[in-house]
Amino acid sequence: MSPGSNYIRSKEAYKRKVSATHFVKDCFLILLGIISAGFGLESFLLPNSFIDGGVTGISLLVAEKTNYSLPILIVIINIPFMFLAYRQLGTSFAIKSVVAIICLALAITFINYPIITTDKLLVAVFGGFFLGAGIGFTVRGGGVLDGTEVLAISLSRRAGLTIGDFILIFNVGIFSIAAYLLSIETALYSILTYLAASKTVDFVIEGVEEYIGVTIISSHSEEIRLMIIENLRRGVTVYKGKRGYGKRGENLNDMDIIYTVMTRLEIAKLRTEVDKIDPNAFTIMNTVKDTKGGMIKKRPLH
């Protein structure tokens, strides 16, 4: 057998191992999300007639005003959104989402969640927290428990509004109906639930640390690169570029452009060190939603 054949077989085996590892991790996250969302619904929101935004909020509202079962409503109302997910985001995403939604319905039906409290403020905050955590874990596992975001993604591609704009408009409509059918007080507490859930979703998906991507353009790029590596102990990427200025873009001088990623707490120190080297350096900062690999974590000093 040739060395090339061994390499191909080893590479395929490695790919299968990575796929299996990610599949197990995704299943665990989705399962954790189902349990958390079910706990938020059954232990806080449903016993106190509170609702949330999105498809879950519609299901809770309909269940409150009719005799229909909440688990059945969650599945039925999400069906059109899952067809949309299949068309827009692919088979794997749609299958994971359908399984997650059905399992959430089964968890609500068969798991005997305890009622934790009837205090309205605690219900709104912690009901939203556990429901948001469930949605966030499911998203990290590659699926959704609520089809609203799938609809927002589809509509945002056809109109000038962002995904966040569509979700906000959608939920304003839900809470307005809740104020009419239930009460203004319940609607206001439900808005608090939605805010708690949305912030928890962001926290779970984006993580504890918020990273900032920093691009530095300076004629002292090599000195800045060494400072970031040696003093801040961060990795850098160097881009080759040209610096153009003037009315007709003359003087296109070659130069190195520095890019690095660090936490928000380290930005002040970076600015100080860059100003020591080049107070005229042009610095661009952007929020980074997620990171993997590289020198994100600090290296220990030797």
Protein backbone atom coordinates (compact mmCIF):
# COMPACT_ATOMS: atom_id res chain seq x y z
CA MET A 1 0.00 0.00 0.00
CA SER A 2 1.42 3.38 -0.99
CA PRO A 3 2.12 6.17 1.54
CA GLY A 4 -0.44 8.30 -0.30
CA SER A 5 -3.18 5.72 0.36
CA ASN A 6 -2.31 5.61 4.08
CA TYR A 7 -2.47 9.40 4.25
CA ILE A 8 -5.90 9.47 2.57
CA ARG A 9 -7.26 6.78 4.90
CA SER A 10 -5.87 8.56 7.97
CA LYS A 11 -7.36 11.85 6.82
CA GLU A 12 -10.78 10.28 6.25
CA ALA A 13 -10.64 8.59 9.67
CA TYR A 14 -9.75 11.93 11.26
CA LYS A 15 -12.68 13.63 9.50
CA ARG A 16 -15.08 10.94 10.74
CA LYS A 17 -13.74 11.34 14.27
CA VAL A 18 -14.20 15.13 14.16
CA SER A 19 -17.73 14.75 12.75
CA ALA A 20 -18.66 12.24 15.46
CA THR A 21 -17.23 14.48 18.20
CA HIS A 22 -19.15 17.52 16.97
CA PHE A 23 -22.36 15.47 16.62
CA VAL A 24 -22.14 14.24 20.23
CA LYS A 25 -21.40 17.79 21.42
CA ASP A 26 -24.34 19.21 19.45
CA CYS A 27 -26.70 16.56 20.83
CA PHE A 28 -25.60 17.31 24.39
CA LEU A 29 -26.13 21.06 23.93
CA ILE A 30 -29.57 20.56 22.37
CA LEU A 31 -30.58 18.17 25.19
CA LEU A 32 -29.39 20.72 27.77
CA GLY A 33 -31.36 23.40 25.95
CA ILE A 34 -34.54 21.31 25.93
CA ILE A 35 -34.34 20.63 29.68
CA SER A 36 -33.63 24.29 30.49
CA ALA A 37 -36.40 25.65 28.25
CA GLY A 38 -38.89 23.13 29.63
CA PHE A 39 -37.94 24.15 33.17
CA GLY A 40 -38.46 27.84 32.37
CA LEU A 41 -41.85 27.18 30.80
CA GLU A 42 -43.31 24.68 33.26
CA SER A 43 -41.78 25.94 36.52
CA PHE A 44 -42.20 29.68 35.94
CA LEU A 45 -44.10 30.99 32.92
CA LEU A 46 -47.01 28.63 32.28
CA PRO A 47 -48.33 28.35 35.88
CA ASN A 48 -48.35 32.16 36.16
CA SER A 49 -49.88 32.89 32.72
CA PHE A 50 -46.77 34.71 31.48
CA ILE A 51 -45.68 34.67 27.86
CA ASP A 52 -42.48 35.26 25.93
CA GLY A 53 -41.79 36.58 22.46
CA GLY A 54 -41.65 34.65 19.20
CA VAL A 55 -43.40 31.39 18.37
CA THR A 56 -43.11 30.30 22.01
CA GLY A 57 -44.99 33.43 23.05
CA ILE A 58 -47.74 32.76 20.49
CA SER A 59 -48.04 29.19 21.76
CA LEU A 60 -48.28 30.34 25.37
CA LEU A 61 -50.86 32.99 24.47
CA VAL A 62 -53.05 30.56 22.52
CA ALA A 63 -52.75 27.93 25.26
CA GLU A 64 -53.80 30.50 27.86
CA LYS A 65 -56.93 31.56 25.96
CA THR A 66 -58.01 28.14 24.63
CA ASN A 67 -58.11 24.53 25.75
CA TYR A 68 -55.35 23.44 23.38
CA SER A 69 -52.27 21.76 24.83
CA LEU A 70 -49.06 23.83 24.87
CA PRO A 71 -46.82 20.98 23.62
CA ILE A 72 -49.07 20.43 20.59
CA LEU A 73 -49.20 24.17 19.86
CA ILE A 74 -45.40 24.50 20.02
CA VAL A 75 -45.02 21.76 17.39
CA ILE A 76 -47.87 22.86 15.09
CA ILE A 77 -47.03 26.60 15.06
CA ASN A 78 -43.36 25.86 14.35
CA ILE A 79 -44.11 23.61 11.34
CA PRO A 80 -44.15 26.34 8.65
CA PHE A 81 -40.98 27.85 10.10
CA MET A 82 -39.23 24.49 9.86
CA PHE A 83 -40.10 24.21 6.15
CA LEU A 84 -38.58 27.66 5.77
CA ALA A 85 -35.51 26.55 7.73
CA TYR A 86 -35.07 23.59 5.36
CA ARG A 87 -35.15 25.90 2.33
CA GLN A 88 -33.01 28.67 3.79
CA LEU A 89 -30.51 26.94 6.10
CA GLY A 90 -30.26 23.33 4.92
CA THR A 91 -31.29 19.82 5.85
CA SER A 92 -29.06 19.34 8.90
CA PHE A 93 -30.27 22.54 10.59
CA ALA A 94 -33.92 21.72 9.85
CA ILE A 95 -33.65 18.15 11.18
CA LYS A 96 -31.95 19.27 14.40
CA SER A 97 -34.58 21.96 14.91
CA VAL A 98 -37.52 19.61 14.31
CA VAL A 99 -36.09 17.02 16.72
CA ALA A 100 -35.40 19.72 19.33
CA ILE A 101 -38.94 21.15 19.11
CA ILE A 102 -40.58 17.72 19.32
CA CYS A 103 -38.37 16.76 22.27
CA LEU A 104 -39.27 20.04 24.01
CA ALA A 105 -42.95 19.19 23.58
CA LEU A 106 -42.31 15.70 25.01
CA ALA A 107 -40.32 17.15 27.93
CA ILE A 108 -43.17 19.52 28.82
CA THR A 109 -45.64 16.63 28.62
CA PHE A 110 -43.80 13.92 30.53
CA ILE A 111 -41.30 15.63 32.87
CA ASN A 112 -42.85 16.69 36.16
CA TYR A 113 -41.26 20.11 36.61
CA PRO A 114 -41.92 21.71 40.03
CA ILE A 115 -43.54 25.14 40.36
CA ILE A 116 -40.80 27.28 41.89
CA THR A 117 -42.49 30.59 42.72
CA THR A 118 -45.54 32.75 42.08
CA ASP A 119 -43.75 36.08 42.62
CA LYS A 120 -44.30 37.96 39.36
CA LEU A 121 -40.89 39.62 39.22
CA LEU A 122 -39.05 36.37 39.94
CA VAL A 123 -41.21 34.54 37.39
CA ALA A 124 -40.45 37.13 34.71
CA VAL A 125 -36.71 37.24 35.32
CA PHE A 126 -35.91 33.60 35.98
CA GLY A 127 -38.50 32.22 33.58
CA GLY A 128 -36.89 34.32 30.87
CA PHE A 129 -33.42 33.27 32.02
CA PHE A 130 -34.03 29.52 31.80
CA LEU A 131 -36.01 29.81 28.57
CA GLY A 132 -33.29 31.98 27.03
CA ALA A 133 -30.58 29.59 28.20
CA GLY A 134 -32.47 26.73 26.55
CA ILE A 135 -32.77 28.61 23.26
CA GLY A 136 -29.11 29.62 23.42
CA PHE A 137 -27.82 26.09 24.06
CA THR A 138 -29.96 24.77 21.21
CA VAL A 139 -28.58 27.39 18.82
CA ARG A 140 -25.04 26.42 19.82
CA GLY A 141 -26.01 22.84 19.04
CA GLY A 142 -27.03 23.83 15.51
CA GLY A 143 -30.83 24.11 15.82
CA VAL A 144 -33.61 26.32 17.16
CA LEU A 145 -36.51 25.97 19.59
CA ASP A 146 -38.31 28.97 18.12
CA GLY A 147 -38.83 29.59 14.41
CA THR A 148 -39.07 33.37 14.63
CA GLU A 149 -35.40 33.92 13.81
CA VAL A 150 -35.69 31.70 10.74
CA LEU A 151 -38.53 33.88 9.46
CA ALA A 152 -36.52 37.02 10.25
CA ILE A 153 -33.52 35.74 8.28
CA SER A 154 -35.73 35.00 5.28
CA LEU A 155 -37.55 38.36 5.34
CA SER A 156 -34.37 40.39 5.93
CA ARG A 157 -33.03 39.12 2.60
CA ARG A 158 -36.04 40.59 0.80
CA ALA A 159 -36.36 43.91 2.61
CA GLY A 160 -34.20 46.67 3.98
CA LEU A 161 -34.68 45.84 7.67
CA THR A 162 -32.29 43.82 9.79
CA ILE A 163 -33.04 40.51 11.53
CA GLY A 164 -33.27 42.35 14.85
CA ASP A 165 -35.78 44.81 13.40
CA PHE A 166 -38.09 42.00 12.25
CA ILE A 167 -37.91 40.20 15.59
CA LEU A 168 -38.67 43.44 17.44
CA ILE A 169 -41.69 44.23 15.22
CA PHE A 170 -42.94 40.62 15.53
CA ASN A 171 -42.72 40.70 19.32
CA VAL A 172 -44.30 44.15 19.65
CA GLY A 173 -47.34 42.68 17.90
CA ILE A 174 -47.43 39.69 20.26
CA PHE A 175 -47.18 41.81 23.41
CA SER A 176 -49.83 44.22 22.11
CA ILE A 177 -52.22 41.30 21.63
CA ALA A 178 -51.29 40.00 25.09
CA ALA A 179 -52.13 43.39 26.61
CA TYR A 180 -55.57 43.24 24.98
CA LEU A 181 -56.39 39.57 25.71
CA LEU A 182 -54.76 39.19 29.13
CA SER A 183 -53.89 42.48 30.83
CA ILE A 184 -51.46 45.35 30.47
CA GLU A 185 -49.67 44.25 33.64
CA THR A 186 -49.16 40.72 32.30
CA ALA A 187 -47.93 42.13 28.99
CA LEU A 188 -45.41 44.36 30.79
CA TYR A 189 -44.10 41.45 32.86
CA SER A 190 -43.94 39.38 29.66
CA ILE A 191 -41.78 42.06 28.04
CA LEU A 192 -39.45 41.75 31.02
CA THR A 193 -39.41 37.98 30.43
CA TYR A 194 -38.52 38.54 26.78
CA LEU A 195 -35.68 40.94 27.69
CA ALA A 196 -34.26 38.48 30.22
CA ALA A 197 -34.49 35.65 27.68
CA SER A 198 -32.88 37.62 24.84
CA LYS A 199 -29.96 38.76 27.00
CA THR A 200 -29.44 35.19 28.22
CA VAL A 201 -29.45 33.93 24.63
CA ASP A 202 -26.71 36.45 23.77
CA PHE A 203 -24.75 35.44 26.86
CA VAL A 204 -24.92 31.72 26.11
CA ILE A 205 -24.11 32.06 22.40
CA GLU A 206 -21.36 34.68 22.62
CA GLY A 207 -19.80 33.53 25.89
CA VAL A 208 -18.61 35.31 29.00
CA GLU A 209 -15.69 37.16 27.44
CA GLU A 210 -16.34 39.73 24.74
CA TYR A 211 -13.54 39.85 22.20
CA ILE A 212 -12.50 42.85 20.15
CA GLY A 213 -10.77 42.63 16.79
CA VAL A 214 -8.20 45.43 16.43
CA THR A 215 -6.65 46.61 13.15
CA ILE A 216 -3.65 48.96 13.48
CA ILE A 217 -2.19 50.90 10.56
CA SER A 218 1.12 52.54 11.41
CA SER A 219 4.54 53.25 9.94
CA HIS A 220 5.92 51.63 13.13
CA SER A 221 4.08 48.34 12.54
CA GLU A 222 7.04 46.09 13.38
CA GLU A 223 7.55 47.75 16.75
CA ILE A 224 3.83 47.49 17.49
CA ARG A 225 3.81 43.81 16.44
CA LEU A 226 6.65 43.01 18.85
CA MET A 227 4.91 44.94 21.64
CA ILE A 228 1.69 42.96 21.24
CA ILE A 229 3.51 39.62 21.18
CA GLU A 230 6.02 40.30 23.97
CA ASN A 231 4.17 42.67 26.31
CA LEU A 232 0.51 41.71 25.83
CA ARG A 233 1.31 38.08 24.91
CA ARG A 234 -1.22 38.00 22.08
CA GLY A 235 -0.94 36.62 18.58
CA VAL A 236 -1.06 38.90 15.56
CA THR A 237 -1.75 38.60 11.84
CA VAL A 238 0.20 40.84 9.46
CA TYR A 239 -1.41 42.01 6.22
CA LYS A 240 0.50 43.54 3.34
CA GLY A 241 -1.07 46.79 2.20
CA LYS A 242 -0.51 50.19 0.65
CA ARG A 243 -1.01 53.53 2.32
CA GLY A 244 -2.60 56.07 -0.02
CA TYR A 245 -3.40 59.68 0.70
CA GLY A 246 -3.68 62.97 -1.13
CA LYS A 247 -6.21 64.29 -3.60
CA ARG A 248 -5.33 61.75 -6.30
CA GLY A 249 -4.22 58.89 -4.02
CA GLU A 250 -0.51 59.42 -4.65
CA ASN A 251 2.28 58.14 -2.40
CA LEU A 252 1.03 54.56 -2.25
CA ASN A 253 3.68 53.36 0.19
CA ASP A 254 3.94 49.67 1.06
CA MET A 255 3.31 48.91 4.70
CA ASP A 256 2.33 46.14 7.16
CA ILE A 257 -1.14 46.17 8.73
CA ILE A 258 -1.46 44.57 12.18
CA TYR A 259 -4.56 42.63 13.24
CA THR A 260 -5.08 41.10 16.69
CA VAL A 261 -7.93 39.90 18.92
CA MET A 262 -8.20 40.51 22.67
CA THR A 263 -10.75 41.01 25.42
CA ARG A 264 -12.43 44.35 26.04
CA LEU A 265 -10.60 44.69 29.37
CA GLU A 266 -7.23 44.76 27.57
CA ILE A 267 -8.12 47.50 25.09
CA ALA A 268 -7.07 50.37 27.38
CA LYS A 269 -3.61 48.88 27.86
CA LEU A 270 -3.26 48.29 24.12
CA ARG A 271 -4.14 51.92 23.37
CA THR A 272 -1.59 53.14 25.90
CA GLU A 273 1.19 50.98 24.48
CA VAL A 274 0.36 51.92 20.87
CA ASP A 275 0.38 55.64 21.76
CA LYS A 276 3.84 55.21 23.27
CA ILE A 277 5.09 53.90 19.94
CA ASP A 278 3.03 55.92 17.44
CA PRO A 279 0.43 58.46 18.65
CA ASN A 280 -0.70 58.92 15.03
CA ALA A 281 -1.46 55.23 14.45
CA PHE A 282 -4.85 54.58 12.81
CA THR A 283 -6.75 52.01 14.92
CA ILE A 284 -10.02 50.24 14.00
CA MET A 285 -11.94 48.12 16.54
CA ASN A 286 -14.79 45.68 15.89
CA THR A 287 -16.72 43.33 18.16
CA VAL A 288 -15.89 39.65 17.57
CA LYS A 289 -18.81 37.30 18.29
CA ASP A 290 -16.84 34.08 18.65
CA THR A 291 -13.28 32.80 18.45
CA LYS A 292 -11.56 29.44 18.10
CA GLY A 293 -7.91 28.46 17.97
CA GLY A 294 -4.98 30.85 17.78
CA MET A 295 -3.47 32.68 20.72
CA ILE A 296 -6.71 33.91 22.28
CA LYS A 297 -5.73 32.72 25.74
CA LYS A 298 -2.61 34.24 27.17
CA ARG A 299 0.61 32.27 27.11
CA PRO A 300 2.26 31.77 30.49
CA LEU A 301 5.36 33.83 31.14
CA HIS A 302 8.59 31.83 31.22
